[in-house]
Full PDB file with SEQRES, HELIX, SHEET, SSBOND, CRYST1, ORIGX, SCALE, CONECT and MASTER records, all heavy atoms in Angstrom:
SEQRES   1 A   36  ASN ARG GLU ILE LEU LYS ARG LEU ILE ASP ALA VAL CYS          
SEQRES   2 A   36  TYR LEU ALA LYS GLN GLU LEU PRO PHE ARG GLY HIS ASP          
SEQRES   3 A   36  GLU SER ASN THR SER ALA ASP LYS GLY ASN                      
HELIX    1 AA1 ARG A    2  LYS A   17  1                                  16    
CRYST1    1.000    1.000    1.000  90.00  90.00  90.00 P 1           1          
ORIGX1      1.000000  0.000000  0.000000        0.00000                         
ORIGX2      0.000000  1.000000  0.000000        0.00000                         
ORIGX3      0.000000  0.000000  1.000000        0.00000                         
SCALE1      1.000000  0.000000  0.000000        0.00000                         
SCALE2      0.000000  1.000000  0.000000        0.00000                         
SCALE3      0.000000  0.000000  1.000000        0.00000                         
ATOM      1  N   ASN A   1     170.676  60.261 112.022  1.00  0.00           N  
ATOM      2  CA  ASN A   1     170.487  58.941 112.603  1.00  0.00           C  
ATOM      3  C   ASN A   1     169.075  58.823 113.110  1.00  0.00           C  
ATOM      4  O   ASN A   1     168.434  57.776 112.969  1.00  0.00           O  
ATOM      5  CB  ASN A   1     171.551  58.589 113.561  1.00  0.00           C  
ATOM      6  CG  ASN A   1     172.879  58.454 113.004  1.00  0.00           C  
ATOM      7  OD1 ASN A   1     173.095  58.247 111.812  1.00  0.00           O  
ATOM      8  ND2 ASN A   1     173.988  58.541 113.766  1.00  0.00           N  
ATOM      9  N   ARG A   2     168.661  59.944 113.788  1.00  0.00           N  
ATOM     10  CA  ARG A   2     167.303  59.855 114.336  1.00  0.00           C  
ATOM     11  C   ARG A   2     166.206  59.745 113.225  1.00  0.00           C  
ATOM     12  O   ARG A   2     165.190  59.069 113.431  1.00  0.00           O  
ATOM     13  CB  ARG A   2     167.095  61.111 115.227  1.00  0.00           C  
ATOM     14  CG  ARG A   2     167.778  60.934 116.544  1.00  0.00           C  
ATOM     15  CD  ARG A   2     167.732  62.249 117.413  1.00  0.00           C  
ATOM     16  NE  ARG A   2     168.302  62.173 118.678  1.00  0.00           N  
ATOM     17  CZ  ARG A   2     168.481  63.096 119.496  1.00  0.00           C  
ATOM     18  NH1 ARG A   2     168.038  64.328 119.261  1.00  0.00           N  
ATOM     19  NH2 ARG A   2     169.071  62.956 120.714  1.00  0.00           N  
ATOM     20  N   GLU A   3     166.399  60.506 112.201  1.00  0.00           N  
ATOM     21  CA  GLU A   3     165.481  60.484 111.056  1.00  0.00           C  
ATOM     22  C   GLU A   3     165.480  59.064 110.491  1.00  0.00           C  
ATOM     23  O   GLU A   3     164.360  58.562 110.156  1.00  0.00           O  
ATOM     24  CB  GLU A   3     165.841  61.486 110.007  1.00  0.00           C  
ATOM     25  CG  GLU A   3     165.623  62.991 110.457  1.00  0.00           C  
ATOM     26  CD  GLU A   3     164.206  63.262 110.800  1.00  0.00           C  
ATOM     27  OE1 GLU A   3     163.390  62.794 110.015  1.00  0.00           O  
ATOM     28  OE2 GLU A   3     163.983  64.032 111.736  1.00  0.00           O  
ATOM     29  N   ILE A   4     166.602  58.435 110.324  1.00  0.00           N  
ATOM     30  CA  ILE A   4     166.529  57.066 109.762  1.00  0.00           C  
ATOM     31  C   ILE A   4     165.889  56.126 110.776  1.00  0.00           C  
ATOM     32  O   ILE A   4     165.080  55.323 110.288  1.00  0.00           O  
ATOM     33  CB  ILE A   4     168.023  56.524 109.631  1.00  0.00           C  
ATOM     34  CG1 ILE A   4     168.740  57.495 108.443  1.00  0.00           C  
ATOM     35  CG2 ILE A   4     168.114  55.075 109.176  1.00  0.00           C  
ATOM     36  CD1 ILE A   4     168.049  57.387 107.075  1.00  0.00           C  
ATOM     37  N   LEU A   5     166.103  56.250 112.085  1.00  0.00           N  
ATOM     38  CA  LEU A   5     165.571  55.387 113.001  1.00  0.00           C  
ATOM     39  C   LEU A   5     164.010  55.550 113.018  1.00  0.00           C  
ATOM     40  O   LEU A   5     163.250  54.617 113.219  1.00  0.00           O  
ATOM     41  CB  LEU A   5     166.172  55.618 114.380  1.00  0.00           C  
ATOM     42  CG  LEU A   5     165.787  54.667 115.513  1.00  0.00           C  
ATOM     43  CD1 LEU A   5     166.286  53.290 115.057  1.00  0.00           C  
ATOM     44  CD2 LEU A   5     166.466  55.109 116.809  1.00  0.00           C  
ATOM     45  N   LYS A   6     163.540  56.760 112.801  1.00  0.00           N  
ATOM     46  CA  LYS A   6     162.087  57.055 112.705  1.00  0.00           C  
ATOM     47  C   LYS A   6     161.436  56.135 111.635  1.00  0.00           C  
ATOM     48  O   LYS A   6     160.449  55.577 111.804  1.00  0.00           O  
ATOM     49  CB  LYS A   6     161.748  58.478 112.519  1.00  0.00           C  
ATOM     50  CG  LYS A   6     162.033  59.471 113.767  1.00  0.00           C  
ATOM     51  CD  LYS A   6     161.742  60.798 113.406  1.00  0.00           C  
ATOM     52  CE  LYS A   6     161.889  61.768 114.604  1.00  0.00           C  
ATOM     53  NZ  LYS A   6     161.661  63.137 114.271  1.00  0.00           N  
ATOM     54  N   ARG A   7     162.105  56.184 110.487  1.00  0.00           N  
ATOM     55  CA  ARG A   7     161.581  55.416 109.367  1.00  0.00           C  
ATOM     56  C   ARG A   7     161.590  53.906 109.663  1.00  0.00           C  
ATOM     57  O   ARG A   7     160.648  53.175 109.229  1.00  0.00           O  
ATOM     58  CB  ARG A   7     162.392  55.716 108.097  1.00  0.00           C  
ATOM     59  CG  ARG A   7     162.151  57.130 107.492  1.00  0.00           C  
ATOM     60  CD  ARG A   7     163.331  57.720 106.845  1.00  0.00           C  
ATOM     61  NE  ARG A   7     163.105  58.934 106.268  1.00  0.00           N  
ATOM     62  CZ  ARG A   7     163.066  60.096 106.796  1.00  0.00           C  
ATOM     63  NH1 ARG A   7     163.220  60.168 108.129  1.00  0.00           N  
ATOM     64  NH2 ARG A   7     162.806  61.312 106.201  1.00  0.00           N  
ATOM     65  N   LEU A   8     162.594  53.415 110.275  1.00  0.00           N  
ATOM     66  CA  LEU A   8     162.619  51.988 110.707  1.00  0.00           C  
ATOM     67  C   LEU A   8     161.566  51.623 111.709  1.00  0.00           C  
ATOM     68  O   LEU A   8     160.926  50.548 111.492  1.00  0.00           O  
ATOM     69  CB  LEU A   8     164.062  51.656 111.217  1.00  0.00           C  
ATOM     70  CG  LEU A   8     165.226  51.890 110.330  1.00  0.00           C  
ATOM     71  CD1 LEU A   8     166.507  51.431 111.088  1.00  0.00           C  
ATOM     72  CD2 LEU A   8     165.128  51.150 109.023  1.00  0.00           C  
ATOM     73  N   ILE A   9     161.409  52.498 112.666  1.00  0.00           N  
ATOM     74  CA  ILE A   9     160.340  52.324 113.594  1.00  0.00           C  
ATOM     75  C   ILE A   9     158.880  52.348 112.984  1.00  0.00           C  
ATOM     76  O   ILE A   9     158.035  51.515 113.238  1.00  0.00           O  
ATOM     77  CB  ILE A   9     160.433  53.369 114.724  1.00  0.00           C  
ATOM     78  CG1 ILE A   9     161.665  53.143 115.610  1.00  0.00           C  
ATOM     79  CG2 ILE A   9     159.142  53.268 115.691  1.00  0.00           C  
ATOM     80  CD1 ILE A   9     161.940  54.201 116.612  1.00  0.00           C  
ATOM     81  N   ASP A  10     158.666  53.310 112.020  1.00  0.00           N  
ATOM     82  CA  ASP A  10     157.429  53.395 111.244  1.00  0.00           C  
ATOM     83  C   ASP A  10     157.172  52.095 110.575  1.00  0.00           C  
ATOM     84  O   ASP A  10     156.107  51.569 110.409  1.00  0.00           O  
ATOM     85  CB  ASP A  10     157.420  54.530 110.351  1.00  0.00           C  
ATOM     86  CG  ASP A  10     157.322  55.909 111.106  1.00  0.00           C  
ATOM     87  OD1 ASP A  10     156.916  55.807 112.255  1.00  0.00           O  
ATOM     88  OD2 ASP A  10     157.509  56.881 110.432  1.00  0.00           O  
ATOM     89  N   ALA A  11     158.227  51.426 109.866  1.00  0.00           N  
ATOM     90  CA  ALA A  11     158.088  50.200 109.247  1.00  0.00           C  
ATOM     91  C   ALA A  11     157.710  49.061 110.170  1.00  0.00           C  
ATOM     92  O   ALA A  11     156.814  48.338 109.795  1.00  0.00           O  
ATOM     93  CB  ALA A  11     159.366  49.944 108.551  1.00  0.00           C  
ATOM     94  N   VAL A  12     158.307  49.021 111.302  1.00  0.00           N  
ATOM     95  CA  VAL A  12     157.894  47.992 112.332  1.00  0.00           C  
ATOM     96  C   VAL A  12     156.470  48.240 112.758  1.00  0.00           C  
ATOM     97  O   VAL A  12     155.715  47.240 112.840  1.00  0.00           O  
ATOM     98  CB  VAL A  12     158.922  48.103 113.566  1.00  0.00           C  
ATOM     99  CG1 VAL A  12     158.429  47.149 114.609  1.00  0.00           C  
ATOM    100  CG2 VAL A  12     160.268  47.687 112.986  1.00  0.00           C  
ATOM    101  N   CYS A  13     156.102  49.453 113.028  1.00  0.00           N  
ATOM    102  CA  CYS A  13     154.750  49.769 113.579  1.00  0.00           C  
ATOM    103  C   CYS A  13     153.693  49.353 112.500  1.00  0.00           C  
ATOM    104  O   CYS A  13     152.577  48.845 112.776  1.00  0.00           O  
ATOM    105  CB  CYS A  13     154.607  51.207 113.945  1.00  0.00           C  
ATOM    106  SG  CYS A  13     155.516  51.711 115.399  1.00  0.00           S  
ATOM    107  N   TYR A  14     153.969  49.631 111.228  1.00  0.00           N  
ATOM    108  CA  TYR A  14     153.054  49.347 110.012  1.00  0.00           C  
ATOM    109  C   TYR A  14     152.769  47.909 109.988  1.00  0.00           C  
ATOM    110  O   TYR A  14     151.683  47.353 109.882  1.00  0.00           O  
ATOM    111  CB  TYR A  14     153.588  49.971 108.740  1.00  0.00           C  
ATOM    112  CG  TYR A  14     152.732  49.483 107.583  1.00  0.00           C  
ATOM    113  CD1 TYR A  14     151.557  50.110 107.348  1.00  0.00           C  
ATOM    114  CD2 TYR A  14     153.257  48.493 106.851  1.00  0.00           C  
ATOM    115  CE1 TYR A  14     150.778  49.699 106.247  1.00  0.00           C  
ATOM    116  CE2 TYR A  14     152.526  48.100 105.670  1.00  0.00           C  
ATOM    117  CZ  TYR A  14     151.222  48.638 105.469  1.00  0.00           C  
ATOM    118  OH  TYR A  14     150.552  48.311 104.352  1.00  0.00           O  
ATOM    119  N   LEU A  15     153.886  47.097 110.019  1.00  0.00           N  
ATOM    120  CA  LEU A  15     153.781  45.568 109.858  1.00  0.00           C  
ATOM    121  C   LEU A  15     153.064  45.044 111.063  1.00  0.00           C  
ATOM    122  O   LEU A  15     152.299  44.053 110.876  1.00  0.00           O  
ATOM    123  CB  LEU A  15     155.157  45.012 109.650  1.00  0.00           C  
ATOM    124  CG  LEU A  15     155.936  45.402 108.354  1.00  0.00           C  
ATOM    125  CD1 LEU A  15     157.284  44.791 108.298  1.00  0.00           C  
ATOM    126  CD2 LEU A  15     155.180  45.043 107.154  1.00  0.00           C  
ATOM    127  N   ALA A  16     153.378  45.545 112.261  1.00  0.00           N  
ATOM    128  CA  ALA A  16     152.782  45.000 113.434  1.00  0.00           C  
ATOM    129  C   ALA A  16     151.232  45.323 113.451  1.00  0.00           C  
ATOM    130  O   ALA A  16     150.447  44.498 113.740  1.00  0.00           O  
ATOM    131  CB  ALA A  16     153.406  45.549 114.565  1.00  0.00           C  
ATOM    132  N   LYS A  17     150.972  46.508 113.033  1.00  0.00           N  
ATOM    133  CA  LYS A  17     149.434  46.856 113.001  1.00  0.00           C  
ATOM    134  C   LYS A  17     148.739  46.106 111.964  1.00  0.00           C  
ATOM    135  O   LYS A  17     147.637  45.665 112.247  1.00  0.00           O  
ATOM    136  CB  LYS A  17     149.451  48.413 112.645  1.00  0.00           C  
ATOM    137  CG  LYS A  17     147.937  48.852 112.620  1.00  0.00           C  
ATOM    138  CD  LYS A  17     147.967  50.364 112.323  1.00  0.00           C  
ATOM    139  CE  LYS A  17     146.501  50.883 112.207  1.00  0.00           C  
ATOM    140  NZ  LYS A  17     146.431  52.370 111.811  1.00  0.00           N  
ATOM    141  N   GLN A  18     149.288  45.754 110.856  1.00  0.00           N  
ATOM    142  CA  GLN A  18     148.723  44.931 109.818  1.00  0.00           C  
ATOM    143  C   GLN A  18     148.829  43.470 110.028  1.00  0.00           C  
ATOM    144  O   GLN A  18     148.380  42.639 109.289  1.00  0.00           O  
ATOM    145  CB  GLN A  18     149.273  45.358 108.433  1.00  0.00           C  
ATOM    146  CG  GLN A  18     149.000  46.758 108.035  1.00  0.00           C  
ATOM    147  CD  GLN A  18     147.588  47.115 107.990  1.00  0.00           C  
ATOM    148  OE1 GLN A  18     147.166  48.041 108.670  1.00  0.00           O  
ATOM    149  NE2 GLN A  18     146.846  46.435 107.128  1.00  0.00           N  
ATOM    150  N   GLU A  19     149.474  43.110 111.123  1.00  0.00           N  
ATOM    151  CA  GLU A  19     149.704  41.659 111.518  1.00  0.00           C  
ATOM    152  C   GLU A  19     150.384  40.883 110.362  1.00  0.00           C  
ATOM    153  O   GLU A  19     149.973  39.773 110.004  1.00  0.00           O  
ATOM    154  CB  GLU A  19     148.400  40.985 111.913  1.00  0.00           C  
ATOM    155  CG  GLU A  19     147.780  41.629 113.160  1.00  0.00           C  
ATOM    156  CD  GLU A  19     146.461  41.014 113.555  1.00  0.00           C  
ATOM    157  OE1 GLU A  19     146.079  40.038 112.951  1.00  0.00           O  
ATOM    158  OE2 GLU A  19     145.824  41.527 114.537  1.00  0.00           O  
ATOM    159  N   LEU A  20     151.379  41.467 109.747  1.00  0.00           N  
ATOM    160  CA  LEU A  20     152.125  40.853 108.743  1.00  0.00           C  
ATOM    161  C   LEU A  20     153.560  40.323 109.181  1.00  0.00           C  
ATOM    162  O   LEU A  20     154.061  40.935 110.136  1.00  0.00           O  
ATOM    163  CB  LEU A  20     152.432  41.957 107.557  1.00  0.00           C  
ATOM    164  CG  LEU A  20     151.132  42.493 106.866  1.00  0.00           C  
ATOM    165  CD1 LEU A  20     151.499  43.592 105.936  1.00  0.00           C  
ATOM    166  CD2 LEU A  20     150.396  41.386 106.130  1.00  0.00           C  
ATOM    167  N   PRO A  21     153.998  39.221 108.542  1.00  0.00           N  
ATOM    168  CA  PRO A  21     155.260  38.755 109.004  1.00  0.00           C  
ATOM    169  C   PRO A  21     156.368  39.708 108.458  1.00  0.00           C  
ATOM    170  O   PRO A  21     156.264  40.320 107.552  1.00  0.00           O  
ATOM    171  CB  PRO A  21     155.318  37.359 108.270  1.00  0.00           C  
ATOM    172  CG  PRO A  21     154.426  37.502 107.138  1.00  0.00           C  
ATOM    173  CD  PRO A  21     153.236  38.372 107.593  1.00  0.00           C  
ATOM    174  N   PHE A  22     157.500  39.655 109.260  1.00  0.00           N  
ATOM    175  CA  PHE A  22     158.557  40.555 108.952  1.00  0.00           C  
ATOM    176  C   PHE A  22     159.505  40.019 107.835  1.00  0.00           C  
ATOM    177  O   PHE A  22     159.997  40.718 107.032  1.00  0.00           O  
ATOM    178  CB  PHE A  22     159.296  40.951 110.203  1.00  0.00           C  
ATOM    179  CG  PHE A  22     158.702  41.978 111.009  1.00  0.00           C  
ATOM    180  CD1 PHE A  22     157.474  41.792 111.574  1.00  0.00           C  
ATOM    181  CD2 PHE A  22     159.346  43.242 111.251  1.00  0.00           C  
ATOM    182  CE1 PHE A  22     156.944  42.792 112.350  1.00  0.00           C  
ATOM    183  CE2 PHE A  22     158.758  44.136 112.006  1.00  0.00           C  
ATOM    184  CZ  PHE A  22     157.504  44.031 112.561  1.00  0.00           C  
ATOM    185  N   ARG A  23     159.948  38.771 108.085  1.00  0.00           N  
ATOM    186  CA  ARG A  23     161.017  38.227 107.215  1.00  0.00           C  
ATOM    187  C   ARG A  23     160.509  37.091 106.236  1.00  0.00           C  
ATOM    188  O   ARG A  23     159.518  36.481 106.505  1.00  0.00           O  
ATOM    189  CB  ARG A  23     162.089  37.617 108.112  1.00  0.00           C  
ATOM    190  CG  ARG A  23     162.806  38.744 109.023  1.00  0.00           C  
ATOM    191  CD  ARG A  23     163.954  38.170 109.745  1.00  0.00           C  
ATOM    192  NE  ARG A  23     163.632  37.449 110.942  1.00  0.00           N  
ATOM    193  CZ  ARG A  23     163.436  37.961 112.098  1.00  0.00           C  
ATOM    194  NH1 ARG A  23     163.518  39.298 112.219  1.00  0.00           N  
ATOM    195  NH2 ARG A  23     163.151  37.235 113.156  1.00  0.00           N  
ATOM    196  N   GLY A  24     161.297  37.021 105.162  1.00  0.00           N  
ATOM    197  CA  GLY A  24     160.985  36.011 104.124  1.00  0.00           C  
ATOM    198  C   GLY A  24     161.927  34.854 104.228  1.00  0.00           C  
ATOM    199  O   GLY A  24     162.906  34.819 105.042  1.00  0.00           O  
ATOM    200  N   HIS A  25     161.789  33.918 103.392  1.00  0.00           N  
ATOM    201  CA  HIS A  25     162.661  32.705 103.357  1.00  0.00           C  
ATOM    202  C   HIS A  25     163.980  33.009 102.791  1.00  0.00           C  
ATOM    203  O   HIS A  25     165.022  32.352 103.135  1.00  0.00           O  
ATOM    204  CB  HIS A  25     161.955  31.552 102.601  1.00  0.00           C  
ATOM    205  CG  HIS A  25     160.731  31.071 103.310  1.00  0.00           C  
ATOM    206  ND1 HIS A  25     160.710  30.347 104.464  1.00  0.00           N  
ATOM    207  CD2 HIS A  25     159.364  31.192 102.945  1.00  0.00           C  
ATOM    208  CE1 HIS A  25     159.449  30.161 104.851  1.00  0.00           C  
ATOM    209  NE2 HIS A  25     158.636  30.555 103.949  1.00  0.00           N  
ATOM    210  N   ASP A  26     163.963  33.985 101.834  1.00  0.00           N  
ATOM    211  CA  ASP A  26     165.277  34.300 101.175  1.00  0.00           C  
ATOM    212  C   ASP A  26     165.400  35.870 101.139  1.00  0.00           C  
ATOM    213  O   ASP A  26     164.669  36.583 100.382  1.00  0.00           O  
ATOM    214  CB  ASP A  26     165.292  33.737  99.793  1.00  0.00           C  
ATOM    215  CG  ASP A  26     166.578  34.027  99.032  1.00  0.00           C  
ATOM    216  OD1 ASP A  26     167.472  34.588  99.659  1.00  0.00           O  
ATOM    217  OD2 ASP A  26     166.664  33.716  97.832  1.00  0.00           O  
ATOM    218  N   GLU A  27     166.312  36.450 101.974  1.00  0.00           N  
ATOM    219  CA  GLU A  27     166.478  37.870 101.951  1.00  0.00           C  
ATOM    220  C   GLU A  27     167.655  38.336 101.252  1.00  0.00           C  
ATOM    221  O   GLU A  27     168.124  39.513 101.458  1.00  0.00           O  
ATOM    222  CB  GLU A  27     166.450  38.367 103.411  1.00  0.00           C  
ATOM    223  CG  GLU A  27     165.130  38.098 104.154  1.00  0.00           C  
ATOM    224  CD  GLU A  27     165.076  38.726 105.542  1.00  0.00           C  
ATOM    225  OE1 GLU A  27     166.112  39.317 105.961  1.00  0.00           O  
ATOM    226  OE2 GLU A  27     164.041  38.681 106.205  1.00  0.00           O  
ATOM    227  N   SER A  28     168.266  37.546 100.371  1.00  0.00           N  
ATOM    228  CA  SER A  28     169.496  37.954  99.650  1.00  0.00           C  
ATOM    229  C   SER A  28     169.181  38.995  98.646  1.00  0.00           C  
ATOM    230  O   SER A  28     167.939  39.228  98.262  1.00  0.00           O  
ATOM    231  CB  SER A  28     170.079  36.659  99.001  1.00  0.00           C  
ATOM    232  OG  SER A  28     169.185  36.173  98.019  1.00  0.00           O  
ATOM    233  N   ASN A  29     170.190  39.600  98.117  1.00  0.00           N  
ATOM    234  CA  ASN A  29     169.967  40.754  97.126  1.00  0.00           C  
ATOM    235  C   ASN A  29     169.364  40.180  95.855  1.00  0.00           C  
ATOM    236  O   ASN A  29     168.662  40.984  95.163  1.00  0.00           O  
ATOM    237  CB  ASN A  29     171.299  41.435  96.857  1.00  0.00           C  
ATOM    238  CG  ASN A  29     171.832  42.125  98.005  1.00  0.00           C  
ATOM    239  OD1 ASN A  29     171.075  42.646  98.842  1.00  0.00           O  
ATOM    240  ND2 ASN A  29     173.143  42.137  98.148  1.00  0.00           N  
ATOM    241  N   THR A  30     169.491  38.894  95.497  1.00  0.00           N  
ATOM    242  CA  THR A  30     168.956  38.459  94.290  1.00  0.00           C  
ATOM    243  C   THR A  30     167.514  37.908  94.430  1.00  0.00           C  
ATOM    244  O   THR A  30     166.947  37.517  93.425  1.00  0.00           O  
ATOM    245  CB  THR A  30     169.874  37.312  93.711  1.00  0.00           C  
ATOM    246  OG1 THR A  30     169.951  36.278  94.766  1.00  0.00           O  
ATOM    247  CG2 THR A  30     171.215  37.793  93.389  1.00  0.00           C  
ATOM    248  N   SER A  31     167.019  37.821  95.668  1.00  0.00           N  
ATOM    249  CA  SER A  31     165.650  37.323  95.927  1.00  0.00           C  
ATOM    250  C   SER A  31     164.599  38.229  95.306  1.00  0.00           C  
ATOM    251  O   SER A  31     164.757  39.453  95.402  1.00  0.00           O  
ATOM    252  CB  SER A  31     165.515  37.074  97.414  1.00  0.00           C  
ATOM    253  OG  SER A  31     164.170  36.695  97.740  1.00  0.00           O  
ATOM    254  N   ALA A  32     163.619  37.691  94.887  1.00  0.00           N  
ATOM    255  CA  ALA A  32     162.392  38.478  94.354  1.00  0.00           C  
ATOM    256  C   ALA A  32     161.546  38.928  95.573  1.00  0.00           C  
ATOM    257  O   ALA A  32     160.717  39.851  95.399  1.00  0.00           O  
ATOM    258  CB  ALA A  32     161.602  37.627  93.359  1.00  0.00           C  
ATOM    259  N   ASP A  33     161.618  38.171  96.640  1.00  0.00           N  
ATOM    260  CA  ASP A  33     160.811  38.513  97.796  1.00  0.00           C  
ATOM    261  C   ASP A  33     161.687  38.531  99.020  1.00  0.00           C  
ATOM    262  O   ASP A  33     161.992  37.448  99.600  1.00  0.00           O  
ATOM    263  CB  ASP A  33     159.628  37.572  97.878  1.00  0.00           C  
ATOM    264  CG  ASP A  33     158.688  37.992  99.102  1.00  0.00           C  
ATOM    265  OD1 ASP A  33     158.952  38.971  99.741  1.00  0.00           O  
ATOM    266  OD2 ASP A  33     157.762  37.191  99.345  1.00  0.00           O  
ATOM    267  N   LYS A  34     162.167  39.626  99.520  1.00  0.00           N  
ATOM    268  CA  LYS A  34     163.087  39.697 100.640  1.00  0.00           C  
ATOM    269  C   LYS A  34     162.337  39.767 102.030  1.00  0.00           C  
ATOM    270  O   LYS A  34     163.072  39.998 102.992  1.00  0.00           O  
ATOM    271  CB  LYS A  34     164.029  40.895 100.501  1.00  0.00           C  
ATOM    272  CG  LYS A  34     164.845  40.932  99.182  1.00  0.00           C  
ATOM    273  CD  LYS A  34     165.709  42.186  99.153  1.00  0.00           C  
ATOM    274  CE  LYS A  34     166.527  42.190  97.833  1.00  0.00           C  
ATOM    275  NZ  LYS A  34     165.707  42.296  96.585  1.00  0.00           N  
ATOM    276  N   GLY A  35     161.110  39.650 102.008  1.00  0.00           N  
ATOM    277  CA  GLY A  35     160.363  39.765 103.250  1.00  0.00           C  
ATOM    278  C   GLY A  35     159.625  41.036 103.340  1.00  0.00           C  
ATOM    279  O   GLY A  35     160.087  42.117 102.697  1.00  0.00           O  
ATOM    280  N   ASN A  36     158.584  41.193 104.065  1.00  0.00           N  
ATOM    281  CA  ASN A  36     157.844  42.480 104.089  1.00  0.00           C  
ATOM    282  C   ASN A  36     158.618  43.676 104.670  1.00  0.00           C  
ATOM    283  O   ASN A  36     158.449  44.811 104.161  1.00  0.00           O  
ATOM    284  CB  ASN A  36     156.538  42.282 104.986  1.00  0.00           C  
ATOM    285  CG  ASN A  36     155.600  41.332 104.276  1.00  0.00           C  
ATOM    286  OD1 ASN A  36     155.378  41.322 103.180  1.00  0.00           O  
ATOM    287  ND2 ASN A  36     154.866  40.514 105.095  1.00  0.00           N  
TER     288      ASN A  36                                                      
MASTER        0    0    0    1    0    0    0    6  287    1    0    3          
END                                                                             
């Protein structure tokens, strides 16, 4: 669980550092763009 949480935290840190939005308009499984 800690290893998984590290990867989630790294994803958050990367998007925050690059000043990118987190979520998209459509995050369903069929969406072509589920958000960054």
